[in-house]
Each structure stands twice: as structure tokens, then as C-alpha cells.
């Protein structure tokens, strides 16, 4: 009970900490590794084991694997 009372008395501190956490999360997302809206290669989807994956390569493999409709290409139809 004493802990709840302490939190109620210092609610401004809790609100400030939550606001700082949200701002830090947004900045981390904006200025993260290479995929930021302020730079980076727009044709790169991601990096796997140090190798950058190009958007065209990604789309080509997904189209082959899942077909153009997004379904399983090799599924038998009834």
C-alpha cells in the first residue's frame, strides 16, 4: 500500500518518464540502422548475414514461391 501511495504522490514523475520513453522510442525508430526515412538505400529490404537484400530480388523470390495471388502455387485445387 505504501508503494501505491508513493506513486500517487509522485505521479508527475511517472508521466514525465513515460513521455521520455515514448520520445526516445520515436527517435530510435527514425535514426535506426539504415532504414531511416532520412537516408539509406530505398531499394534495400534488409540485411541478412552482412548481405543486403535488394527489393527486386525479394519480390522475384516471393512471386516464385507464393505466386502472384499470394497463395500456394503447388496446392491442389478440389
C-alpha atoms as a PDB file:
ATOM      1  CA  UNK A   1       0.000   0.000   0.000  1.00  0.00           C
ATOM      2  CA  UNK A   2       2.833   2.379   0.746  1.00  0.00           C
ATOM      3  CA  UNK A   3       4.197   1.908  -2.768  1.00  0.00           C
ATOM      4  CA  UNK A   4       0.858   2.851  -4.345  1.00  0.00           C
ATOM      5  CA  UNK A   5       0.677   5.974  -2.174  1.00  0.00           C
ATOM      6  CA  UNK A   6       4.209   6.953  -3.183  1.00  0.00           C
ATOM      7  CA  UNK A   7       3.325   6.551  -6.870  1.00  0.00           C
ATOM      8  CA  UNK A   8       0.184   8.679  -6.425  1.00  0.00           C
ATOM      9  CA  UNK A   9       2.147  11.467  -4.731  1.00  0.00           C
ATOM     10  CA  UNK A  10       4.782  11.468  -7.492  1.00  0.00           C
ATOM     11  CA  UNK A  11       2.500  10.931 -10.472  1.00  0.00           C
ATOM     12  CA  UNK A  12       4.186  13.785 -12.364  1.00  0.00           C
ATOM     13  CA  UNK A  13       7.432  11.774 -12.315  1.00  0.00           C
ATOM     14  CA  UNK A  14       5.670   8.761 -13.832  1.00  0.00           C
ATOM     15  CA  UNK A  15       4.114  10.889 -16.593  1.00  0.00           C
ATOM     16  CA  UNK A  16       7.480  12.508 -17.400  1.00  0.00           C
ATOM     17  CA  UNK A  17       9.207   9.113 -17.563  1.00  0.00           C
ATOM     18  CA  UNK A  18       6.511   7.728 -19.892  1.00  0.00           C
ATOM     19  CA  UNK A  19       6.792  10.774 -22.165  1.00  0.00           C
ATOM     20  CA  UNK A  20      10.597  10.476 -22.296  1.00  0.00           C
ATOM     21  CA  UNK A  21      10.308   6.783 -23.133  1.00  0.00           C
ATOM     22  CA  UNK A  22       7.901   7.472 -25.992  1.00  0.00           C
ATOM     23  CA  UNK A  23      10.107  10.236 -27.416  1.00  0.00           C
ATOM     24  CA  UNK A  24      13.192   8.013 -27.147  1.00  0.00           C
ATOM     25  CA  UNK A  25      11.329   5.208 -28.956  1.00  0.00           C
ATOM     26  CA  UNK A  26      10.374   7.532 -31.814  1.00  0.00           C
ATOM     27  CA  UNK A  27      13.921   8.868 -32.191  1.00  0.00           C
ATOM     28  CA  UNK A  28      15.328   5.341 -32.097  1.00  0.00           C
ATOM     29  CA  UNK A  29      12.953   4.354 -34.903  1.00  0.00           C
ATOM     30  CA  UNK A  30      13.732   7.432 -37.015  1.00  0.00           C
ATOM     31  CA  UNK A  31      17.509   7.277 -36.708  1.00  0.00           C
ATOM     32  CA  UNK A  32      17.956   3.482 -36.602  1.00  0.00           C
ATOM     33  CA  UNK A  33      20.179   1.261 -38.763  1.00  0.00           C
ATOM     34  CA  UNK A  34      19.990   2.249 -42.430  1.00  0.00           C
ATOM     35  CA  UNK A  35      16.219   2.068 -42.805  1.00  0.00           C
ATOM     36  CA  UNK A  36      15.598   5.605 -41.667  1.00  0.00           C
ATOM     37  CA  UNK A  37      13.358   7.969 -43.608  1.00  0.00           C
ATOM     38  CA  UNK A  38      16.264  10.438 -43.712  1.00  0.00           C
ATOM     39  CA  UNK A  39      18.693   8.305 -45.675  1.00  0.00           C
ATOM     40  CA  UNK A  40      19.679   4.787 -46.572  1.00  0.00           C
ATOM     41  CA  UNK A  41      19.029   2.863 -49.752  1.00  0.00           C
ATOM     42  CA  UNK A  42      15.312   2.775 -50.655  1.00  0.00           C
ATOM     43  CA  UNK A  43      15.896  -0.384 -52.776  1.00  0.00           C
ATOM     44  CA  UNK A  44      17.224  -2.428 -49.851  1.00  0.00           C
ATOM     45  CA  UNK A  45      14.707  -4.505 -47.907  1.00  0.00           C
ATOM     46  CA  UNK A  46      17.117  -5.651 -45.218  1.00  0.00           C
ATOM     47  CA  UNK A  47      20.429  -7.269 -44.414  1.00  0.00           C
ATOM     48  CA  UNK A  48      20.998 -10.959 -43.720  1.00  0.00           C
ATOM     49  CA  UNK A  49      24.430 -12.121 -42.561  1.00  0.00           C
ATOM     50  CA  UNK A  50      26.006  -8.914 -43.856  1.00  0.00           C
ATOM     51  CA  UNK A  51      24.466  -9.290 -47.335  1.00  0.00           C
ATOM     52  CA  UNK A  52      21.972  -6.634 -48.401  1.00  0.00           C
ATOM     53  CA  UNK A  53      18.733  -7.926 -49.908  1.00  0.00           C
ATOM     54  CA  UNK A  54      17.500  -5.941 -52.897  1.00  0.00           C
ATOM     55  CA  UNK A  55      13.753  -5.276 -53.327  1.00  0.00           C
ATOM     56  CA  UNK A  56      13.725  -6.774 -56.838  1.00  0.00           C
ATOM     57  CA  UNK A  57      15.406  -9.970 -55.615  1.00  0.00           C
ATOM     58  CA  UNK A  58      12.956 -10.210 -52.712  1.00  0.00           C
ATOM     59  CA  UNK A  59       9.918  -9.754 -54.973  1.00  0.00           C
ATOM     60  CA  UNK A  60      11.213 -12.283 -57.521  1.00  0.00           C
ATOM     61  CA  UNK A  61      11.654 -14.989 -54.888  1.00  0.00           C
ATOM     62  CA  UNK A  62       8.283 -14.252 -53.273  1.00  0.00           C
ATOM     63  CA  UNK A  63       6.466 -14.302 -56.623  1.00  0.00           C
ATOM     64  CA  UNK A  64       8.055 -17.659 -57.471  1.00  0.00           C
ATOM     65  CA  UNK A  65       7.321 -19.161 -54.074  1.00  0.00           C
ATOM     66  CA  UNK A  66       3.787 -17.909 -53.453  1.00  0.00           C
ATOM     67  CA  UNK A  67       2.506 -16.986 -56.885  1.00  0.00           C
ATOM     68  CA  UNK A  68       1.023 -13.665 -57.889  1.00  0.00           C
ATOM     69  CA  UNK A  69      -2.152 -14.127 -55.822  1.00  0.00           C
ATOM     70  CA  UNK A  70      -0.306 -14.742 -52.571  1.00  0.00           C
ATOM     71  CA  UNK A  71      -1.481 -18.348 -52.370  1.00  0.00           C
ATOM     72  CA  UNK A  72       0.453 -21.593 -52.517  1.00  0.00           C
ATOM     73  CA  UNK A  73       1.420 -22.255 -56.160  1.00  0.00           C
ATOM     74  CA  UNK A  74       1.675 -26.013 -55.694  1.00  0.00           C
ATOM     75  CA  UNK A  75      -1.549 -26.576 -53.745  1.00  0.00           C
ATOM     76  CA  UNK A  76      -4.029 -28.926 -55.361  1.00  0.00           C
ATOM     77  CA  UNK A  77      -7.426 -27.454 -56.115  1.00  0.00           C
ATOM     78  CA  UNK A  78     -10.521 -29.520 -55.468  1.00  0.00           C
END
